Structure formats: C-alpha cells, structure tokens
C-alpha cells in the first residue's frame, strides 16, 4: 500500500504511495480550472487553494501512516492545501529559491506532495549541507546554518539538480501521475526541475502538484 525509505544519517522517513487517490482525474480537472496567483514569496510559481475534502477518501491511509511512520498519536490538523505550478525559469530565481530549503523548523509539520503531472516534469530530492552536515533543520540549529549559508555567498540562479559543492543529494523521488510522497517539512529538499521544462502558467502542461501540510497535535520540541 505504501513504501517507506529512510534518508540521510538521521534516517528521516520518506513515504511513497502509488495510485494514491481514487478520483485522480477529478483532481486534475479541478486543478485545471482553479484560479492561480502568487500566494507567497518563496514558491517559484503560481498556486491556487484546493478543496480539502479531496483528502477524505484517503483519510484512513494517511492516519495509518501518521501513526505508524511519523509517530503521531494525538492526530493532525490540516494547515494548507494548494495546487501548485512551477512557472519561474532558472535565470529568474531568487537566491533562496536556488538552494534546498525546509518548509519549517517544526518537526511536527508533515508535507504531502501529490504529483498530478507526468514523469517528464521532475520529482523531489533531499539534501545534506556539506559544510554543516545539516539534513534536518530545527530552531536550535538555524543560526549556525544561516551563518554558514551566508558565508558561502550568493548562489548562481538555477534549480538544484543533483549534488554540487554546497549540497549532497541523499535521496530522490521521481514524479509520476498519482504518486504521493510524505516527509517531515524540516528535511532539506528541493524540486527536481528539468532544464527543458516548459515554464508555463497552464496547469495542463506545467509541472503540477497538490501540496498539503499537516501539523501534529503531539507536543514535539523544536
């Protein structure tokens, strides 16, 4: 039903689910008709709110994974649910968009990335920062990590593709229609964006994902 791998020295779980949603075609249709715009400064593209009720048919499976793999005992809250299309080409990326990132330093935040487009639109990779050994980022480690990144200078604009002098790729999930991936949001990661990707704002041809974030109700230190 799902497969779990453990990446990096810290052994962070990454869960992959094939044929994730029973109404995949309906989700694609809803994504194609959504109203996209800029919802924040960091995502390199356009996003649109998604109806969270689409998670109901997969709720039991997600609950099982949250409990068995991520150790959640008190349940979760849904924080965000958005369709996302990548529209920004390499040359136009901000420096922060050219580096692997975390969504939050909170280890209780769990990301669900649902691929709605094909394998040719790229997947997701996970990273270790060579200078500090950072794979997951928490509040205590943030100052040291930030200082190290700043000392390394402004990166050249461009999406991460494999390893470089700053970061080592420690895991990779290929995109596939109706494949879903779950991981803790404090794990360093980046979209794997092919160089020949059409940076279109048309969700029918662009890299299209459905991104959801859940917050564990367990009390977890950061």
N, C-alpha and C. Protein backbone atom coordinates (compact mmCIF):
# COMPACT_ATOMS: atom_id res chain seq x y z
N UNK A 1 0.83 -1.21 0.00
CA UNK A 1 0.00 0.00 0.00
C UNK A 1 0.86 1.25 0.00
N UNK A 2 1.96 1.22 0.79
CA UNK A 2 2.92 2.31 0.76
C UNK A 2 4.29 1.75 1.09
N UNK A 3 5.32 2.47 0.67
CA UNK A 3 6.70 2.07 0.94
C UNK A 3 7.42 3.20 1.65
N UNK A 4 8.26 2.84 2.60
CA UNK A 4 8.99 3.82 3.39
C UNK A 4 10.49 3.60 3.22
N UNK A 5 11.20 4.67 2.91
CA UNK A 5 12.66 4.65 2.91
C UNK A 5 13.14 5.65 3.96
N UNK A 6 14.40 5.51 4.36
CA UNK A 6 14.94 6.38 5.41
C UNK A 6 16.21 7.03 4.87
N UNK A 7 16.19 8.35 4.78
CA UNK A 7 17.25 9.06 4.09
C UNK A 7 18.20 9.73 5.07
N UNK A 8 19.47 9.81 4.65
CA UNK A 8 20.46 10.56 5.40
C UNK A 8 20.96 9.86 6.64
N UNK A 9 21.90 10.52 7.31
CA UNK A 9 22.44 10.00 8.55
C UNK A 9 21.38 9.99 9.66
N UNK A 10 20.42 10.91 9.57
CA UNK A 10 19.40 10.99 10.61
C UNK A 10 18.28 9.99 10.39
N UNK A 11 18.24 9.35 9.21
CA UNK A 11 17.24 8.34 8.95
C UNK A 11 15.82 8.87 8.93
N UNK A 12 15.62 9.99 8.26
CA UNK A 12 14.29 10.57 8.17
C UNK A 12 13.40 9.74 7.25
N UNK A 13 12.17 9.43 7.67
CA UNK A 13 11.29 8.63 6.82
C UNK A 13 10.74 9.43 5.64
N UNK A 14 10.72 8.79 4.50
CA UNK A 14 10.07 9.32 3.29
C UNK A 14 9.13 8.23 2.79
N UNK A 15 7.85 8.53 2.74
CA UNK A 15 6.83 7.54 2.38
C UNK A 15 6.34 7.81 0.97
N UNK A 16 6.29 6.76 0.15
CA UNK A 16 5.79 6.86 -1.22
C UNK A 16 4.54 6.00 -1.36
N UNK A 17 3.50 6.59 -1.93
CA UNK A 17 2.24 5.89 -2.16
C UNK A 17 1.93 5.95 -3.65
N UNK A 18 1.77 4.80 -4.27
CA UNK A 18 1.38 4.74 -5.67
C UNK A 18 -0.14 4.72 -5.79
N UNK A 19 -0.67 5.22 -6.91
CA UNK A 19 -2.12 5.23 -7.14
C UNK A 19 -2.84 5.78 -5.93
N UNK A 20 -2.39 6.94 -5.49
CA UNK A 20 -2.79 7.49 -4.20
C UNK A 20 -4.27 7.80 -4.10
N UNK A 21 -4.80 8.47 -5.12
CA UNK A 21 -6.17 8.98 -4.97
C UNK A 21 -7.13 8.31 -5.95
N UNK A 22 -8.30 7.86 -5.46
CA UNK A 22 -9.24 7.17 -6.34
C UNK A 22 -9.91 8.08 -7.37
N UNK A 23 -9.89 9.39 -7.14
CA UNK A 23 -10.52 10.34 -8.05
C UNK A 23 -9.48 11.23 -8.71
N UNK A 24 -8.42 10.60 -9.21
CA UNK A 24 -7.31 11.38 -9.77
C UNK A 24 -7.75 12.27 -10.93
N UNK A 25 -8.54 11.74 -11.84
CA UNK A 25 -8.98 12.53 -12.99
C UNK A 25 -9.80 13.75 -12.55
N UNK A 26 -10.59 13.57 -11.52
CA UNK A 26 -11.38 14.69 -11.00
C UNK A 26 -10.49 15.75 -10.39
N UNK A 27 -9.44 15.34 -9.69
CA UNK A 27 -8.49 16.30 -9.12
C UNK A 27 -7.77 17.07 -10.23
N UNK A 28 -7.40 16.38 -11.30
CA UNK A 28 -6.76 17.05 -12.42
C UNK A 28 -7.69 18.09 -13.03
N UNK A 29 -8.94 17.72 -13.19
CA UNK A 29 -9.90 18.65 -13.77
C UNK A 29 -10.08 19.88 -12.88
N UNK A 30 -10.15 19.65 -11.57
CA UNK A 30 -10.29 20.77 -10.63
C UNK A 30 -9.06 21.67 -10.67
N UNK A 31 -7.89 21.07 -10.79
CA UNK A 31 -6.65 21.85 -10.86
C UNK A 31 -6.61 22.69 -12.13
N UNK A 32 -7.06 22.12 -13.23
CA UNK A 32 -7.04 22.84 -14.50
C UNK A 32 -7.95 24.06 -14.47
N UNK A 33 -9.02 23.99 -13.67
CA UNK A 33 -9.97 25.10 -13.61
C UNK A 33 -9.79 26.03 -12.43
N UNK A 34 -8.72 25.83 -11.65
CA UNK A 34 -8.52 26.64 -10.44
C UNK A 34 -8.02 28.04 -10.80
N UNK A 35 -8.17 28.96 -9.86
CA UNK A 35 -7.77 30.36 -10.03
C UNK A 35 -6.39 30.56 -9.39
N UNK A 36 -5.36 30.63 -10.20
CA UNK A 36 -3.98 30.66 -9.71
C UNK A 36 -3.48 32.10 -9.50
N UNK A 37 -2.59 32.24 -8.54
CA UNK A 37 -1.95 33.51 -8.28
C UNK A 37 -0.74 33.29 -7.40
N UNK A 38 -0.06 34.37 -7.03
CA UNK A 38 1.09 34.29 -6.13
C UNK A 38 0.59 34.28 -4.70
N UNK A 39 0.79 33.16 -4.00
CA UNK A 39 0.31 33.05 -2.63
C UNK A 39 1.41 33.30 -1.61
N UNK A 40 2.63 33.45 -2.04
CA UNK A 40 3.73 33.70 -1.12
C UNK A 40 5.00 34.01 -1.89
N UNK A 41 6.05 34.49 -1.20
CA UNK A 41 7.26 34.94 -1.90
C UNK A 41 8.24 33.83 -2.27
N UNK A 42 8.06 32.63 -1.71
CA UNK A 42 9.11 31.62 -1.85
C UNK A 42 8.86 30.61 -2.96
N UNK A 43 7.60 30.25 -3.20
CA UNK A 43 7.34 29.23 -4.21
C UNK A 43 7.60 29.80 -5.61
N UNK A 44 8.35 29.08 -6.46
CA UNK A 44 8.72 29.62 -7.78
C UNK A 44 7.63 29.39 -8.83
N UNK A 45 6.45 29.92 -8.55
CA UNK A 45 5.35 29.73 -9.48
C UNK A 45 4.05 30.23 -8.92
N UNK A 46 2.96 29.65 -9.42
CA UNK A 46 1.62 30.06 -9.05
C UNK A 46 0.92 28.96 -8.27
N UNK A 47 0.01 29.38 -7.38
CA UNK A 47 -0.71 28.42 -6.55
C UNK A 47 -2.18 28.80 -6.47
N UNK A 48 -3.00 27.80 -6.15
CA UNK A 48 -4.43 28.01 -6.00
C UNK A 48 -4.94 27.13 -4.87
N UNK A 49 -5.85 27.64 -4.05
CA UNK A 49 -6.40 26.81 -2.97
C UNK A 49 -7.10 25.58 -3.53
N UNK A 50 -6.92 24.45 -2.85
CA UNK A 50 -7.59 23.20 -3.21
C UNK A 50 -8.61 22.85 -2.14
N UNK A 51 -9.68 22.21 -2.54
CA UNK A 51 -10.72 21.80 -1.60
C UNK A 51 -10.19 20.68 -0.71
N UNK A 52 -10.08 20.90 0.59
CA UNK A 52 -9.52 19.87 1.47
C UNK A 52 -10.37 18.61 1.56
N UNK A 53 -11.61 18.68 1.10
CA UNK A 53 -12.46 17.49 1.17
C UNK A 53 -11.95 16.37 0.27
N UNK A 54 -11.04 16.70 -0.65
CA UNK A 54 -10.50 15.64 -1.50
C UNK A 54 -9.69 14.63 -0.69
N UNK A 55 -9.29 15.01 0.53
CA UNK A 55 -8.49 14.11 1.37
C UNK A 55 -9.34 13.07 2.09
N UNK A 56 -10.63 13.22 2.08
CA UNK A 56 -11.50 12.29 2.81
C UNK A 56 -11.35 10.83 2.35
N UNK A 57 -11.31 10.55 1.04
CA UNK A 57 -11.19 9.15 0.62
C UNK A 57 -9.88 8.48 1.02
N UNK A 58 -8.84 9.28 1.31
CA UNK A 58 -7.54 8.71 1.68
C UNK A 58 -7.22 8.98 3.15
N UNK A 59 -8.23 9.41 3.90
CA UNK A 59 -8.00 9.77 5.30
C UNK A 59 -7.53 8.62 6.16
N UNK A 60 -8.10 7.45 5.98
CA UNK A 60 -7.70 6.30 6.81
C UNK A 60 -6.26 5.91 6.54
N UNK A 61 -5.86 5.92 5.27
CA UNK A 61 -4.48 5.59 4.92
C UNK A 61 -3.51 6.61 5.50
N UNK A 62 -3.83 7.88 5.38
CA UNK A 62 -2.95 8.91 5.93
C UNK A 62 -2.84 8.79 7.44
N UNK A 63 -3.94 8.51 8.11
CA UNK A 63 -3.91 8.34 9.57
C UNK A 63 -2.98 7.19 9.95
N UNK A 64 -3.06 6.10 9.21
CA UNK A 64 -2.18 4.95 9.47
C UNK A 64 -0.72 5.35 9.33
N UNK A 65 -0.40 6.08 8.28
CA UNK A 65 0.99 6.49 8.05
C UNK A 65 1.45 7.47 9.12
N UNK A 66 0.61 8.43 9.46
CA UNK A 66 0.98 9.38 10.51
C UNK A 66 1.32 8.65 11.81
N UNK A 67 0.54 7.65 12.15
CA UNK A 67 0.75 6.93 13.40
C UNK A 67 1.94 5.99 13.34
N UNK A 68 1.99 5.15 12.29
CA UNK A 68 2.99 4.10 12.23
C UNK A 68 4.37 4.60 11.84
N UNK A 69 4.43 5.57 10.96
CA UNK A 69 5.73 6.01 10.42
C UNK A 69 6.22 7.28 11.11
N UNK A 70 5.33 8.23 11.36
CA UNK A 70 5.75 9.51 11.92
C UNK A 70 5.48 9.63 13.42
N UNK A 71 4.95 8.59 14.03
CA UNK A 71 4.78 8.55 15.47
C UNK A 71 3.78 9.53 16.03
N UNK A 72 2.79 9.90 15.23
CA UNK A 72 1.75 10.84 15.67
C UNK A 72 0.68 10.07 16.44
N UNK A 73 0.43 10.46 17.66
CA UNK A 73 -0.58 9.77 18.47
C UNK A 73 -1.80 10.62 18.76
N UNK A 74 -1.66 11.94 18.68
CA UNK A 74 -2.76 12.84 19.06
C UNK A 74 -3.51 13.39 17.85
N UNK A 75 -3.19 12.91 16.64
CA UNK A 75 -3.86 13.40 15.45
C UNK A 75 -3.15 14.58 14.84
N UNK A 76 -3.68 15.06 13.71
CA UNK A 76 -3.09 16.18 12.98
C UNK A 76 -4.15 17.20 12.61
N UNK A 77 -3.69 18.40 12.30
CA UNK A 77 -4.54 19.45 11.74
C UNK A 77 -4.03 19.77 10.34
N UNK A 78 -4.95 20.01 9.41
CA UNK A 78 -4.56 20.41 8.06
C UNK A 78 -4.25 21.89 8.06
N UNK A 79 -3.03 22.25 7.63
CA UNK A 79 -2.58 23.63 7.65
C UNK A 79 -2.80 24.31 6.31
N UNK A 80 -2.54 23.59 5.23
CA UNK A 80 -2.59 24.21 3.90
C UNK A 80 -2.84 23.12 2.87
N UNK A 81 -3.53 23.50 1.80
CA UNK A 81 -3.83 22.56 0.72
C UNK A 81 -3.92 23.37 -0.58
N UNK A 82 -2.93 23.22 -1.47
CA UNK A 82 -2.87 24.08 -2.66
C UNK A 82 -2.41 23.31 -3.89
N UNK A 83 -2.99 23.68 -5.04
CA UNK A 83 -2.44 23.29 -6.32
C UNK A 83 -1.26 24.22 -6.61
N UNK A 84 -0.20 23.67 -7.20
CA UNK A 84 1.00 24.48 -7.45
C UNK A 84 1.57 24.16 -8.82
N UNK A 85 1.92 25.21 -9.58
CA UNK A 85 2.57 25.05 -10.87
C UNK A 85 3.86 25.87 -10.88
N UNK A 86 4.94 25.27 -11.36
CA UNK A 86 6.23 25.94 -11.45
C UNK A 86 6.26 26.78 -12.72
N UNK A 87 6.51 28.08 -12.58
CA UNK A 87 6.50 28.98 -13.73
C UNK A 87 7.77 29.81 -13.89
N UNK A 88 8.67 29.78 -12.91
CA UNK A 88 9.84 30.66 -12.92
C UNK A 88 11.05 29.93 -13.50
N UNK A 89 11.63 30.41 -14.59
CA UNK A 89 12.82 29.77 -15.16
C UNK A 89 14.06 30.01 -14.30
N UNK A 90 15.09 29.22 -14.55
CA UNK A 90 16.32 29.27 -13.75
C UNK A 90 16.84 30.68 -13.56
N UNK A 91 16.94 31.42 -14.64
CA UNK A 91 17.60 32.73 -14.60
C UNK A 91 16.86 33.74 -13.73
N UNK A 92 15.58 33.51 -13.47
CA UNK A 92 14.78 34.48 -12.72
C UNK A 92 14.58 34.09 -11.26
N UNK A 93 15.22 33.02 -10.81
CA UNK A 93 15.05 32.59 -9.43
C UNK A 93 15.74 33.54 -8.45
N UNK A 94 15.12 33.75 -7.30
CA UNK A 94 15.78 34.45 -6.20
C UNK A 94 16.82 33.52 -5.59
N UNK A 95 17.84 34.08 -4.91
CA UNK A 95 18.87 33.23 -4.32
C UNK A 95 18.31 32.12 -3.44
N UNK A 96 17.32 32.42 -2.61
CA UNK A 96 16.78 31.41 -1.71
C UNK A 96 16.10 30.28 -2.48
N UNK A 97 15.61 30.57 -3.69
CA UNK A 97 14.95 29.55 -4.50
C UNK A 97 15.94 28.65 -5.23
N UNK A 98 17.20 29.01 -5.20
CA UNK A 98 18.24 28.23 -5.87
C UNK A 98 18.93 27.26 -4.92
N UNK A 99 18.47 27.18 -3.69
CA UNK A 99 19.05 26.30 -2.69
C UNK A 99 17.98 25.34 -2.17
N UNK A 100 18.38 24.15 -1.69
CA UNK A 100 17.43 23.33 -0.95
C UNK A 100 16.88 24.11 0.24
N UNK A 101 15.70 23.75 0.68
CA UNK A 101 15.04 24.51 1.73
C UNK A 101 14.28 23.58 2.67
N UNK A 102 13.84 24.13 3.77
CA UNK A 102 12.86 23.47 4.63
C UNK A 102 11.61 24.34 4.63
N UNK A 103 10.46 23.73 4.84
CA UNK A 103 9.23 24.50 4.91
C UNK A 103 9.05 25.14 6.28
N UNK A 104 9.63 24.51 7.30
CA UNK A 104 9.57 25.00 8.67
C UNK A 104 10.62 24.26 9.48
N UNK A 105 11.00 24.81 10.62
CA UNK A 105 11.91 24.11 11.52
C UNK A 105 11.15 23.24 12.52
N UNK A 106 9.85 23.17 12.40
CA UNK A 106 9.00 22.41 13.33
C UNK A 106 8.96 20.94 12.91
N UNK A 107 9.48 20.02 13.72
CA UNK A 107 9.47 18.59 13.35
C UNK A 107 8.08 17.98 13.37
N UNK A 108 7.08 18.72 13.86
CA UNK A 108 5.72 18.23 13.88
C UNK A 108 4.95 18.55 12.61
N UNK A 109 5.56 19.22 11.65
CA UNK A 109 4.90 19.54 10.38
C UNK A 109 5.24 18.45 9.35
N UNK A 110 4.23 17.92 8.70
CA UNK A 110 4.40 16.85 7.73
C UNK A 110 3.85 17.31 6.38
N UNK A 111 4.66 17.14 5.34
CA UNK A 111 4.27 17.54 3.99
C UNK A 111 3.74 16.34 3.22
N UNK A 112 2.69 16.58 2.44
CA UNK A 112 2.16 15.60 1.50
C UNK A 112 2.25 16.22 0.11
N UNK A 113 3.07 15.64 -0.74
CA UNK A 113 3.27 16.12 -2.11
C UNK A 113 2.65 15.11 -3.06
N UNK A 114 1.64 15.54 -3.78
CA UNK A 114 0.90 14.66 -4.69
C UNK A 114 1.17 15.11 -6.12
N UNK A 115 1.83 14.26 -6.91
CA UNK A 115 2.16 14.61 -8.28
C UNK A 115 0.93 14.43 -9.17
N UNK A 116 0.58 15.50 -9.89
CA UNK A 116 -0.56 15.45 -10.79
C UNK A 116 -0.14 15.47 -12.26
N UNK A 117 1.13 15.70 -12.52
CA UNK A 117 1.63 15.71 -13.90
C UNK A 117 2.61 14.56 -14.10
N UNK A 118 3.17 14.46 -15.30
CA UNK A 118 3.95 13.30 -15.67
C UNK A 118 5.39 13.30 -15.20
N UNK A 119 6.06 12.18 -15.46
CA UNK A 119 7.44 11.99 -15.03
C UNK A 119 8.37 13.02 -15.64
N UNK A 120 8.03 13.53 -16.82
CA UNK A 120 8.89 14.48 -17.52
C UNK A 120 8.97 15.83 -16.80
N UNK A 121 8.09 16.06 -15.80
CA UNK A 121 8.10 17.34 -15.10
C UNK A 121 8.97 17.32 -13.84
N UNK A 122 9.63 16.20 -13.56
CA UNK A 122 10.60 16.16 -12.47
C UNK A 122 10.01 15.77 -11.14
N UNK A 123 10.88 15.39 -10.21
CA UNK A 123 10.46 14.88 -8.91
C UNK A 123 10.90 15.76 -7.76
N UNK A 124 11.35 15.11 -6.70
CA UNK A 124 11.75 15.80 -5.47
C UNK A 124 13.01 15.14 -4.94
N UNK A 125 13.96 15.95 -4.47
CA UNK A 125 15.21 15.42 -3.93
C UNK A 125 15.44 15.95 -2.51
N UNK A 126 16.22 15.19 -1.75
CA UNK A 126 16.54 15.53 -0.37
C UNK A 126 18.06 15.68 -0.25
N UNK A 127 18.49 16.55 0.67
CA UNK A 127 19.88 17.01 0.66
C UNK A 127 20.52 17.06 2.05
N UNK A 128 21.85 17.02 2.01
CA UNK A 128 22.69 17.30 3.17
C UNK A 128 23.58 18.49 2.83
N UNK A 129 23.63 19.48 3.73
CA UNK A 129 24.55 20.61 3.54
C UNK A 129 25.95 20.15 3.92
N UNK A 130 26.86 20.24 2.98
CA UNK A 130 28.20 19.69 3.21
C UNK A 130 28.92 20.39 4.36
N UNK A 131 28.80 21.72 4.44
CA UNK A 131 29.57 22.47 5.41
C UNK A 131 29.20 22.19 6.85
N UNK A 132 27.93 21.98 7.12
CA UNK A 132 27.46 21.78 8.50
C UNK A 132 26.94 20.37 8.75
N UNK A 133 26.77 19.58 7.69
CA UNK A 133 26.18 18.25 7.84
C UNK A 133 24.68 18.28 8.06
N UNK A 134 24.06 19.44 7.88
CA UNK A 134 22.63 19.59 8.14
C UNK A 134 21.80 18.80 7.13
N UNK A 135 20.88 17.99 7.65
CA UNK A 135 19.88 17.29 6.83
C UNK A 135 18.48 17.72 7.23
N UNK A 136 18.29 17.90 8.53
CA UNK A 136 17.05 18.47 9.05
C UNK A 136 17.41 19.71 9.85
N UNK A 137 16.51 20.67 9.82
CA UNK A 137 16.82 21.97 10.44
C UNK A 137 15.81 22.25 11.55
N UNK A 138 16.32 22.49 12.76
CA UNK A 138 15.45 22.88 13.86
C UNK A 138 15.82 24.28 14.34
N UNK A 139 15.06 24.78 15.28
CA UNK A 139 15.25 26.16 15.74
C UNK A 139 16.65 26.35 16.32
N UNK A 140 17.14 25.36 17.08
CA UNK A 140 18.45 25.50 17.72
C UNK A 140 19.57 25.57 16.68
N UNK A 141 19.43 24.83 15.58
CA UNK A 141 20.49 24.80 14.59
C UNK A 141 20.39 25.87 13.52
N UNK A 142 19.31 26.65 13.55
CA UNK A 142 19.08 27.64 12.49
C UNK A 142 20.15 28.72 12.43
N UNK A 143 20.60 29.31 13.55
CA UNK A 143 21.62 30.37 13.44
C UNK A 143 22.92 29.89 12.80
N UNK A 144 23.41 28.72 13.21
CA UNK A 144 24.65 28.20 12.63
C UNK A 144 24.48 27.93 11.14
N UNK A 145 23.37 27.33 10.79
CA UNK A 145 23.13 27.01 9.37
C UNK A 145 23.02 28.28 8.54
N UNK A 146 22.28 29.27 9.03
CA UNK A 146 22.11 30.52 8.30
C UNK A 146 23.44 31.23 8.11
N UNK A 147 24.26 31.23 9.15
CA UNK A 147 25.58 31.86 9.05
C UNK A 147 26.44 31.15 8.01
N UNK A 148 26.39 29.83 7.98
CA UNK A 148 27.19 29.07 7.03
C UNK A 148 26.74 29.35 5.60
N UNK A 149 25.43 29.41 5.38
CA UNK A 149 24.90 29.68 4.04
C UNK A 149 25.32 31.08 3.58
N UNK A 150 25.23 32.05 4.48
CA UNK A 150 25.62 33.41 4.12
C UNK A 150 27.12 33.50 3.82
N UNK A 151 27.92 32.76 4.58
CA UNK A 151 29.37 32.79 4.37
C UNK A 151 29.75 32.18 3.02
N UNK A 152 28.94 31.28 2.51
CA UNK A 152 29.23 30.64 1.23
C UNK A 152 28.90 31.54 0.03
N UNK A 153 28.21 32.64 0.30
CA UNK A 153 27.93 33.61 -0.75
C UNK A 153 26.64 33.32 -1.50
N UNK A 154 26.27 34.26 -2.33
CA UNK A 154 25.02 34.17 -3.09
C UNK A 154 25.16 33.11 -4.18
N UNK A 155 24.25 32.15 -4.25
CA UNK A 155 24.36 31.11 -5.28
C UNK A 155 24.00 31.65 -6.66
N UNK A 156 24.52 31.00 -7.68
CA UNK A 156 24.10 31.31 -9.03
C UNK A 156 22.64 30.90 -9.20
N UNK A 157 21.83 31.68 -9.92
CA UNK A 157 20.43 31.30 -10.10
C UNK A 157 20.29 30.00 -10.86
N UNK A 158 19.41 29.14 -10.36
CA UNK A 158 19.20 27.85 -11.02
C UNK A 158 18.65 26.83 -10.05
N UNK A 159 17.83 25.95 -10.53
CA UNK A 159 17.28 24.90 -9.68
C UNK A 159 18.34 23.87 -9.32
N UNK A 160 18.21 23.27 -8.15
CA UNK A 160 19.11 22.19 -7.75
C UNK A 160 18.84 20.98 -8.63
N UNK A 161 19.92 20.44 -9.16
CA UNK A 161 19.84 19.20 -9.95
C UNK A 161 21.00 18.33 -9.55
N UNK A 162 20.76 17.39 -8.64
CA UNK A 162 21.83 16.55 -8.13
C UNK A 162 22.66 17.29 -7.08
N UNK A 163 23.87 16.80 -6.86
CA UNK A 163 24.77 17.37 -5.86
C UNK A 163 25.59 18.51 -6.46
N UNK A 164 26.08 19.39 -5.59
CA UNK A 164 27.03 20.42 -6.00
C UNK A 164 28.03 20.62 -4.87
N UNK A 165 28.81 21.71 -4.93
CA UNK A 165 29.85 21.91 -3.93
C UNK A 165 29.29 22.22 -2.55
N UNK A 166 28.05 22.70 -2.48
CA UNK A 166 27.44 23.05 -1.20
C UNK A 166 26.59 21.92 -0.62
N UNK A 167 25.89 21.21 -1.49
CA UNK A 167 24.89 20.25 -1.03
C UNK A 167 25.10 18.90 -1.70
N UNK A 168 24.89 17.84 -0.90
CA UNK A 168 24.93 16.47 -1.40
C UNK A 168 23.50 15.92 -1.44
N UNK A 169 23.12 15.40 -2.59
CA UNK A 169 21.79 14.78 -2.68
C UNK A 169 21.82 13.44 -1.97
N UNK A 170 20.87 13.22 -1.06
CA UNK A 170 20.84 11.99 -0.26
C UNK A 170 19.59 11.16 -0.53
N UNK A 171 18.72 11.65 -1.39
CA UNK A 171 17.53 10.89 -1.74
C UNK A 171 16.81 11.55 -2.89
N UNK A 172 16.04 10.74 -3.62
CA UNK A 172 15.33 11.27 -4.79
C UNK A 172 14.07 10.45 -5.03
N UNK A 173 12.96 11.15 -5.29
CA UNK A 173 11.70 10.53 -5.66
C UNK A 173 11.30 11.08 -7.02
N UNK A 174 11.11 10.22 -8.00
CA UNK A 174 10.69 10.65 -9.33
C UNK A 174 9.20 10.98 -9.32
N UNK A 175 8.84 11.96 -10.13
CA UNK A 175 7.43 12.28 -10.30
C UNK A 175 6.74 11.17 -11.09
N UNK A 176 5.48 10.96 -10.79
CA UNK A 176 4.64 10.00 -11.52
C UNK A 176 3.20 10.37 -11.26
N UNK A 177 2.35 10.39 -12.26
CA UNK A 177 0.95 10.76 -12.02
C UNK A 177 0.31 9.91 -10.93
N UNK A 178 -0.29 10.59 -9.96
CA UNK A 178 -1.00 9.98 -8.83
C UNK A 178 -0.06 9.30 -7.83
N UNK A 179 1.22 9.64 -7.87
CA UNK A 179 2.15 9.23 -6.81
C UNK A 179 2.18 10.30 -5.74
N UNK A 180 2.17 9.90 -4.48
CA UNK A 180 2.23 10.83 -3.36
C UNK A 180 3.45 10.53 -2.50
N UNK A 181 4.00 11.58 -1.91
CA UNK A 181 5.18 11.48 -1.05
C UNK A 181 4.90 12.23 0.24
N UNK A 182 5.24 11.61 1.36
CA UNK A 182 5.11 12.28 2.66
C UNK A 182 6.47 12.32 3.34
N UNK A 183 6.80 13.47 3.95
CA UNK A 183 8.05 13.63 4.67
C UNK A 183 7.87 14.79 5.66
N UNK A 184 8.72 14.81 6.67
CA UNK A 184 8.69 15.93 7.61
C UNK A 184 9.23 17.19 6.92
N UNK A 185 8.55 18.30 7.16
CA UNK A 185 8.87 19.53 6.45
C UNK A 185 10.20 20.15 6.83
N UNK A 186 10.83 19.67 7.91
CA UNK A 186 12.12 20.23 8.29
C UNK A 186 13.29 19.49 7.64
N UNK A 187 12.99 18.57 6.73
CA UNK A 187 14.02 17.87 5.96
C UNK A 187 14.39 18.72 4.74
N UNK A 188 15.68 18.98 4.55
CA UNK A 188 16.14 19.77 3.41
C UNK A 188 15.72 19.10 2.10
N UNK A 189 15.06 19.85 1.25
CA UNK A 189 14.56 19.27 0.00
C UNK A 189 14.47 20.33 -1.08
N UNK A 190 14.25 19.87 -2.30
CA UNK A 190 14.08 20.77 -3.43
C UNK A 190 13.36 20.03 -4.54
N UNK A 191 12.56 20.75 -5.30
CA UNK A 191 12.00 20.16 -6.51
C UNK A 191 13.11 19.90 -7.51
N UNK A 192 13.01 18.78 -8.21
CA UNK A 192 13.94 18.48 -9.30
C UNK A 192 13.26 18.94 -10.58
N UNK A 193 13.69 20.07 -11.08
CA UNK A 193 13.03 20.72 -12.21
C UNK A 193 13.88 20.53 -13.47
N UNK A 194 13.40 19.77 -14.46
CA UNK A 194 14.20 19.54 -15.67
C UNK A 194 14.53 20.85 -16.39
N UNK A 195 15.69 20.88 -17.02
CA UNK A 195 16.10 22.08 -17.72
C UNK A 195 15.18 22.42 -18.88
N UNK A 196 14.57 21.41 -19.48
CA UNK A 196 13.69 21.66 -20.63
C UNK A 196 12.22 21.75 -20.24
N UNK A 197 11.94 21.95 -18.94
CA UNK A 197 10.56 22.07 -18.51
C UNK A 197 9.92 23.31 -19.13
N UNK A 198 8.72 23.19 -19.68
CA UNK A 198 8.03 24.40 -20.16
C UNK A 198 7.48 25.18 -18.98
N UNK A 199 8.05 26.35 -18.73
CA UNK A 199 7.65 27.15 -17.56
C UNK A 199 6.37 27.90 -17.89
N UNK A 200 5.30 27.15 -18.00
CA UNK A 200 4.01 27.66 -18.41
C UNK A 200 3.11 27.87 -17.20
N UNK A 201 2.19 28.83 -17.31
CA UNK A 201 1.20 29.01 -16.26
C UNK A 201 -0.07 28.20 -16.54
N UNK A 202 -0.01 27.35 -17.54
CA UNK A 202 -1.13 26.48 -17.89
C UNK A 202 -0.98 25.16 -17.13
N UNK A 203 -1.85 24.87 -16.16
CA UNK A 203 -1.69 23.65 -15.37
C UNK A 203 -1.80 22.36 -16.18
N UNK A 204 -2.34 22.45 -17.39
CA UNK A 204 -2.45 21.25 -18.22
C UNK A 204 -1.11 20.83 -18.80
N UNK A 205 -0.16 21.77 -18.88
CA UNK A 205 1.15 21.44 -19.47
C UNK A 205 2.31 21.67 -18.50
N UNK A 206 2.09 22.35 -17.39
CA UNK A 206 3.16 22.70 -16.44
C UNK A 206 3.41 21.56 -15.46
N UNK A 207 4.46 21.73 -14.66
CA UNK A 207 4.67 20.83 -13.52
C UNK A 207 3.59 21.16 -12.50
N UNK A 208 2.72 20.20 -12.24
CA UNK A 208 1.56 20.42 -11.39
C UNK A 208 1.58 19.47 -10.21
N UNK A 209 1.49 20.02 -9.01
CA UNK A 209 1.43 19.21 -7.79
C UNK A 209 0.31 19.72 -6.91
N UNK A 210 -0.11 18.86 -6.01
CA UNK A 210 -1.09 19.21 -4.98
C UNK A 210 -0.37 19.08 -3.65
N UNK A 211 -0.14 20.20 -2.98
CA UNK A 211 0.69 20.25 -1.79
C UNK A 211 -0.18 20.46 -0.55
N UNK A 212 -0.05 19.55 0.41
CA UNK A 212 -0.78 19.68 1.67
C UNK A 212 0.21 19.61 2.83
N UNK A 213 -0.11 20.34 3.90
CA UNK A 213 0.74 20.34 5.08
C UNK A 213 -0.12 20.06 6.31
N UNK A 214 0.38 19.16 7.15
CA UNK A 214 -0.33 18.75 8.35
C UNK A 214 0.52 19.07 9.58
N UNK A 215 -0.14 19.47 10.65
CA UNK A 215 0.54 19.76 11.90
C UNK A 215 0.17 18.72 12.94
N UNK A 216 1.17 18.02 13.46
CA UNK A 216 0.91 17.07 14.53
C UNK A 216 0.43 17.79 15.78
N UNK A 217 -0.54 17.19 16.45
CA UNK A 217 -1.04 17.74 17.70
C UNK A 217 -0.22 17.26 18.89
N UNK A 218 0.73 16.37 18.64
CA UNK A 218 1.64 15.95 19.71
C UNK A 218 2.57 17.09 20.09
N UNK A 219 2.99 17.12 21.31
CA UNK A 219 3.93 18.14 21.77
C UNK A 219 5.34 17.70 21.43
N UNK A 220 5.94 18.37 20.43
CA UNK A 220 7.26 17.99 19.95
C UNK A 220 8.18 19.19 20.06
N UNK A 221 9.34 19.00 20.66
CA UNK A 221 10.28 20.10 20.78
C UNK A 221 10.89 20.47 19.45
N UNK A 222 11.27 21.73 19.27
CA UNK A 222 11.89 22.20 18.04
C UNK A 222 13.33 22.64 18.29
